[in-house]
N, C-alpha and C. Protein backbone atom coordinates (compact mmCIF):
# COMPACT_ATOMS: atom_id res chain seq x y z
N MET A 1 -5.53 9.48 17.33
CA MET A 1 -4.66 10.03 16.30
C MET A 1 -5.39 11.15 15.56
N ALA A 2 -5.14 12.35 15.90
CA ALA A 2 -5.73 13.46 15.17
C ALA A 2 -4.99 13.61 13.84
N HIS A 3 -5.75 13.80 12.77
CA HIS A 3 -5.13 13.77 11.45
C HIS A 3 -4.12 14.88 11.23
N GLU A 4 -4.26 16.02 11.88
CA GLU A 4 -3.29 17.11 11.72
C GLU A 4 -1.91 16.68 12.21
N GLN A 5 -1.89 15.85 13.23
CA GLN A 5 -0.63 15.39 13.82
C GLN A 5 0.01 14.27 13.01
N HIS A 6 -0.71 13.75 12.05
CA HIS A 6 -0.22 12.59 11.31
C HIS A 6 -0.18 12.83 9.81
N ALA A 7 0.17 14.05 9.44
CA ALA A 7 0.22 14.42 8.03
C ALA A 7 1.21 13.55 7.26
N GLU A 8 2.34 13.23 7.86
CA GLU A 8 3.34 12.40 7.17
C GLU A 8 2.80 10.99 6.93
N MET A 9 2.13 10.43 7.92
CA MET A 9 1.54 9.10 7.78
C MET A 9 0.49 9.10 6.66
N ILE A 10 -0.34 10.12 6.63
CA ILE A 10 -1.36 10.24 5.61
C ILE A 10 -0.72 10.32 4.23
N LYS A 11 0.37 11.07 4.12
CA LYS A 11 1.08 11.18 2.83
C LYS A 11 1.67 9.84 2.41
N ILE A 12 2.26 9.11 3.34
CA ILE A 12 2.85 7.79 3.03
C ILE A 12 1.75 6.84 2.56
N LEU A 13 0.62 6.84 3.23
CA LEU A 13 -0.50 5.99 2.83
C LEU A 13 -1.01 6.36 1.44
N HIS A 14 -1.16 7.65 1.21
CA HIS A 14 -1.64 8.13 -0.08
C HIS A 14 -0.67 7.76 -1.20
N ASP A 15 0.62 7.97 -0.94
CA ASP A 15 1.64 7.64 -1.94
C ASP A 15 1.66 6.14 -2.25
N CYS A 16 1.47 5.32 -1.23
CA CYS A 16 1.46 3.87 -1.42
C CYS A 16 0.24 3.45 -2.25
N ALA A 17 -0.91 3.98 -1.92
CA ALA A 17 -2.12 3.66 -2.68
C ALA A 17 -1.96 4.08 -4.13
N GLU A 18 -1.38 5.24 -4.34
CA GLU A 18 -1.16 5.73 -5.70
C GLU A 18 -0.18 4.82 -6.46
N ALA A 19 0.90 4.41 -5.81
CA ALA A 19 1.87 3.51 -6.44
C ALA A 19 1.24 2.16 -6.77
N CYS A 20 0.42 1.66 -5.86
CA CYS A 20 -0.26 0.38 -6.10
C CYS A 20 -1.25 0.49 -7.25
N ASN A 21 -1.98 1.58 -7.32
CA ASN A 21 -2.93 1.76 -8.42
C ASN A 21 -2.20 1.86 -9.75
N HIS A 22 -1.08 2.56 -9.76
CA HIS A 22 -0.28 2.67 -10.99
C HIS A 22 0.26 1.29 -11.39
N CYS A 23 0.78 0.55 -10.42
CA CYS A 23 1.34 -0.78 -10.68
C CYS A 23 0.24 -1.72 -11.20
N PHE A 24 -0.91 -1.67 -10.56
CA PHE A 24 -2.06 -2.48 -10.98
C PHE A 24 -2.38 -2.23 -12.45
N ASP A 25 -2.49 -0.96 -12.82
CA ASP A 25 -2.82 -0.60 -14.19
C ASP A 25 -1.71 -1.03 -15.16
N ALA A 26 -0.47 -0.80 -14.78
CA ALA A 26 0.66 -1.16 -15.64
C ALA A 26 0.78 -2.68 -15.79
N CYS A 27 0.52 -3.42 -14.73
CA CYS A 27 0.58 -4.89 -14.79
C CYS A 27 -0.44 -5.44 -15.79
N LEU A 28 -1.59 -4.81 -15.85
CA LEU A 28 -2.63 -5.25 -16.79
C LEU A 28 -2.20 -5.08 -18.24
N LYS A 29 -1.21 -4.23 -18.48
CA LYS A 29 -0.72 -3.97 -19.84
C LYS A 29 0.52 -4.79 -20.19
N GLU A 30 1.01 -5.59 -19.24
CA GLU A 30 2.19 -6.41 -19.51
C GLU A 30 1.84 -7.52 -20.48
N ASP A 31 2.85 -7.99 -21.23
CA ASP A 31 2.64 -9.05 -22.21
C ASP A 31 2.13 -10.33 -21.56
N ASP A 32 2.69 -10.68 -20.41
CA ASP A 32 2.29 -11.91 -19.73
C ASP A 32 1.48 -11.56 -18.47
N VAL A 33 0.25 -11.16 -18.68
CA VAL A 33 -0.61 -10.74 -17.57
C VAL A 33 -0.82 -11.88 -16.59
N LYS A 34 -0.88 -13.09 -17.10
CA LYS A 34 -1.10 -14.24 -16.23
C LYS A 34 0.00 -14.35 -15.15
N MET A 35 1.23 -14.00 -15.52
CA MET A 35 2.35 -14.04 -14.58
C MET A 35 2.19 -12.95 -13.50
N MET A 36 1.39 -11.93 -13.79
CA MET A 36 1.26 -10.79 -12.90
C MET A 36 0.02 -10.86 -11.98
N VAL A 37 -0.70 -11.97 -12.02
CA VAL A 37 -1.97 -12.08 -11.29
C VAL A 37 -1.82 -11.79 -9.80
N ASP A 38 -0.84 -12.40 -9.15
CA ASP A 38 -0.67 -12.17 -7.71
C ASP A 38 -0.32 -10.71 -7.42
N CYS A 39 0.50 -10.14 -8.27
CA CYS A 39 0.88 -8.74 -8.11
C CYS A 39 -0.36 -7.85 -8.25
N ILE A 40 -1.16 -8.10 -9.26
CA ILE A 40 -2.37 -7.32 -9.49
C ILE A 40 -3.33 -7.42 -8.30
N ARG A 41 -3.55 -8.62 -7.82
CA ARG A 41 -4.45 -8.81 -6.68
C ARG A 41 -3.96 -8.08 -5.44
N LEU A 42 -2.67 -8.21 -5.15
CA LEU A 42 -2.13 -7.55 -3.96
C LEU A 42 -2.10 -6.04 -4.12
N ASP A 43 -1.86 -5.56 -5.35
CA ASP A 43 -1.93 -4.11 -5.59
C ASP A 43 -3.30 -3.57 -5.19
N ARG A 44 -4.36 -4.28 -5.57
CA ARG A 44 -5.72 -3.84 -5.25
C ARG A 44 -5.96 -3.87 -3.75
N GLU A 45 -5.56 -4.97 -3.11
CA GLU A 45 -5.75 -5.08 -1.65
C GLU A 45 -5.01 -3.96 -0.93
N CYS A 46 -3.79 -3.73 -1.35
CA CYS A 46 -2.95 -2.73 -0.68
C CYS A 46 -3.50 -1.32 -0.89
N ALA A 47 -3.85 -0.99 -2.12
CA ALA A 47 -4.40 0.34 -2.39
C ALA A 47 -5.66 0.58 -1.56
N ASP A 48 -6.50 -0.44 -1.48
CA ASP A 48 -7.76 -0.29 -0.73
C ASP A 48 -7.52 -0.09 0.77
N ILE A 49 -6.63 -0.90 1.37
CA ILE A 49 -6.42 -0.77 2.82
C ILE A 49 -5.71 0.55 3.14
N CYS A 50 -4.80 0.98 2.27
CA CYS A 50 -4.12 2.27 2.51
C CYS A 50 -5.12 3.42 2.46
N ALA A 51 -6.00 3.40 1.46
CA ALA A 51 -7.01 4.45 1.36
C ALA A 51 -7.95 4.42 2.56
N TYR A 52 -8.33 3.22 2.98
CA TYR A 52 -9.23 3.09 4.12
C TYR A 52 -8.57 3.61 5.40
N LEU A 53 -7.31 3.24 5.62
CA LEU A 53 -6.61 3.71 6.81
C LEU A 53 -6.43 5.23 6.77
N GLU A 54 -6.13 5.77 5.59
CA GLU A 54 -6.02 7.22 5.45
C GLU A 54 -7.32 7.90 5.89
N HIS A 55 -8.45 7.38 5.45
CA HIS A 55 -9.74 7.94 5.85
C HIS A 55 -9.99 7.74 7.34
N ALA A 56 -9.63 6.59 7.86
CA ALA A 56 -9.84 6.31 9.29
C ALA A 56 -9.06 7.31 10.15
N ILE A 57 -7.84 7.62 9.74
CA ILE A 57 -7.03 8.59 10.49
C ILE A 57 -7.69 9.96 10.46
N THR A 58 -8.16 10.38 9.29
CA THR A 58 -8.73 11.72 9.17
C THR A 58 -10.04 11.87 9.94
N ARG A 59 -10.72 10.76 10.20
CA ARG A 59 -11.96 10.87 10.99
C ARG A 59 -11.74 10.44 12.44
N ASN A 60 -10.47 10.23 12.82
CA ASN A 60 -10.11 9.90 14.19
C ASN A 60 -10.79 8.61 14.67
N SER A 61 -10.76 7.59 13.83
CA SER A 61 -11.38 6.30 14.15
C SER A 61 -10.70 5.67 15.37
N PRO A 62 -11.48 5.02 16.22
CA PRO A 62 -10.88 4.31 17.36
C PRO A 62 -10.18 3.02 16.94
N PHE A 63 -10.25 2.66 15.66
CA PHE A 63 -9.66 1.41 15.17
C PHE A 63 -8.38 1.61 14.36
N VAL A 64 -7.79 2.79 14.45
CA VAL A 64 -6.59 3.08 13.66
C VAL A 64 -5.48 2.08 13.94
N SER A 65 -5.26 1.75 15.18
CA SER A 65 -4.18 0.83 15.53
C SER A 65 -4.39 -0.55 14.90
N GLU A 66 -5.60 -1.05 15.00
CA GLU A 66 -5.91 -2.36 14.42
C GLU A 66 -5.80 -2.32 12.90
N LEU A 67 -6.30 -1.26 12.29
CA LEU A 67 -6.22 -1.12 10.84
C LEU A 67 -4.77 -0.97 10.39
N ALA A 68 -3.97 -0.27 11.18
CA ALA A 68 -2.55 -0.09 10.84
C ALA A 68 -1.81 -1.42 10.86
N LYS A 69 -2.16 -2.30 11.79
CA LYS A 69 -1.55 -3.64 11.82
C LYS A 69 -1.88 -4.42 10.56
N ALA A 70 -3.15 -4.39 10.16
CA ALA A 70 -3.58 -5.08 8.95
C ALA A 70 -2.91 -4.45 7.72
N CYS A 71 -2.86 -3.14 7.70
CA CYS A 71 -2.26 -2.44 6.57
C CYS A 71 -0.78 -2.79 6.44
N ALA A 72 -0.07 -2.88 7.55
CA ALA A 72 1.34 -3.25 7.51
C ALA A 72 1.53 -4.62 6.89
N ALA A 73 0.70 -5.57 7.29
CA ALA A 73 0.81 -6.93 6.75
C ALA A 73 0.53 -6.97 5.25
N ILE A 74 -0.50 -6.25 4.82
CA ILE A 74 -0.87 -6.24 3.40
C ILE A 74 0.19 -5.50 2.57
N CYS A 75 0.67 -4.38 3.08
CA CYS A 75 1.72 -3.63 2.37
C CYS A 75 2.98 -4.48 2.22
N GLU A 76 3.34 -5.19 3.27
CA GLU A 76 4.54 -6.03 3.19
C GLU A 76 4.35 -7.16 2.18
N ALA A 77 3.18 -7.77 2.17
CA ALA A 77 2.90 -8.83 1.20
C ALA A 77 2.96 -8.30 -0.23
N CYS A 78 2.39 -7.13 -0.44
CA CYS A 78 2.39 -6.52 -1.77
C CYS A 78 3.81 -6.15 -2.18
N GLY A 79 4.55 -5.55 -1.28
CA GLY A 79 5.93 -5.18 -1.57
C GLY A 79 6.79 -6.38 -1.89
N THR A 80 6.62 -7.45 -1.16
CA THR A 80 7.38 -8.68 -1.40
C THR A 80 7.07 -9.25 -2.77
N GLU A 81 5.79 -9.25 -3.14
CA GLU A 81 5.40 -9.74 -4.46
C GLU A 81 5.96 -8.84 -5.57
N CYS A 82 5.83 -7.55 -5.40
CA CYS A 82 6.32 -6.62 -6.42
C CYS A 82 7.84 -6.72 -6.61
N GLN A 83 8.56 -7.01 -5.53
CA GLN A 83 10.01 -7.15 -5.63
C GLN A 83 10.42 -8.29 -6.54
N LYS A 84 9.55 -9.24 -6.76
CA LYS A 84 9.85 -10.40 -7.60
C LYS A 84 9.90 -10.04 -9.09
N HIS A 85 9.35 -8.88 -9.44
CA HIS A 85 9.23 -8.50 -10.85
C HIS A 85 10.20 -7.36 -11.18
N ASP A 86 10.81 -7.43 -12.35
CA ASP A 86 11.82 -6.44 -12.75
C ASP A 86 11.24 -5.14 -13.30
N HIS A 87 9.95 -5.10 -13.54
CA HIS A 87 9.33 -3.90 -14.11
C HIS A 87 9.55 -2.69 -13.19
N ASP A 88 9.81 -1.55 -13.80
CA ASP A 88 10.01 -0.33 -12.99
C ASP A 88 8.82 -0.03 -12.10
N HIS A 89 7.61 -0.21 -12.63
CA HIS A 89 6.42 0.10 -11.83
C HIS A 89 6.33 -0.83 -10.62
N CYS A 90 6.73 -2.07 -10.77
CA CYS A 90 6.72 -3.01 -9.63
C CYS A 90 7.77 -2.63 -8.60
N GLN A 91 8.95 -2.24 -9.05
CA GLN A 91 10.01 -1.86 -8.12
C GLN A 91 9.65 -0.59 -7.35
N ARG A 92 9.06 0.38 -8.04
CA ARG A 92 8.61 1.60 -7.35
C ARG A 92 7.49 1.29 -6.36
N CYS A 93 6.60 0.41 -6.74
CA CYS A 93 5.51 0.01 -5.86
C CYS A 93 6.07 -0.71 -4.62
N ALA A 94 7.00 -1.60 -4.84
CA ALA A 94 7.61 -2.33 -3.72
C ALA A 94 8.23 -1.36 -2.72
N GLU A 95 8.93 -0.35 -3.22
CA GLU A 95 9.54 0.65 -2.34
C GLU A 95 8.48 1.37 -1.50
N ALA A 96 7.41 1.82 -2.17
CA ALA A 96 6.33 2.53 -1.47
C ALA A 96 5.66 1.63 -0.44
N CYS A 97 5.46 0.35 -0.80
CA CYS A 97 4.81 -0.59 0.10
C CYS A 97 5.64 -0.85 1.35
N MET A 98 6.93 -1.04 1.17
CA MET A 98 7.80 -1.32 2.31
C MET A 98 7.90 -0.11 3.24
N LYS A 99 7.94 1.08 2.65
CA LYS A 99 7.96 2.31 3.46
C LYS A 99 6.66 2.43 4.24
N CYS A 100 5.55 2.12 3.59
CA CYS A 100 4.25 2.21 4.24
C CYS A 100 4.10 1.14 5.33
N ALA A 101 4.57 -0.06 5.05
CA ALA A 101 4.49 -1.14 6.05
C ALA A 101 5.22 -0.72 7.33
N GLU A 102 6.39 -0.12 7.18
CA GLU A 102 7.16 0.32 8.34
C GLU A 102 6.41 1.42 9.10
N ALA A 103 5.86 2.37 8.37
CA ALA A 103 5.11 3.46 9.01
C ALA A 103 3.88 2.91 9.74
N CYS A 104 3.23 1.94 9.14
CA CYS A 104 2.04 1.35 9.77
C CYS A 104 2.40 0.57 11.03
N ARG A 105 3.51 -0.15 10.98
CA ARG A 105 3.96 -0.87 12.19
C ARG A 105 4.24 0.12 13.31
N ASN A 106 4.86 1.24 12.98
CA ASN A 106 5.15 2.27 13.99
C ASN A 106 3.87 2.88 14.53
N ALA A 107 2.87 3.05 13.68
CA ALA A 107 1.59 3.65 14.09
C ALA A 107 0.77 2.70 14.94
N ALA A 108 0.93 1.41 14.68
CA ALA A 108 0.15 0.40 15.42
C ALA A 108 0.67 0.33 16.85
C-alpha cells in the first residue's frame, strides 16, 4: 500500500483519531466521569491504533493488512460504546469510528 494511493484512507484514519481525542478530552469534563470510563478508554485505544495505522501506511509497512483488521475491531468497539452516550462529542466520535472501521475492513 503506497501512501500516495491511499490518501483517503489516511484522511479517514486521521479524522477518526482526531474525533477520538476530542471525545476523550470532552468525556473527562463530563459531570459523571465515572459513567464515561469505558468510552474514555476506548477513545484512547482507537486514537492510538488509527495513528499507528496511518504511520504504517505512510512507511509502506508489510503489516498494514493485519493492523487494519485490528484497527477495524477497535474502531467498531469504540463506536459502539460512543453510541450509548447522548453527548454530541460521543455521537460525532461514533460516526467517525464506524466510517473508519468500514474503511479498515476494506483495506484488510
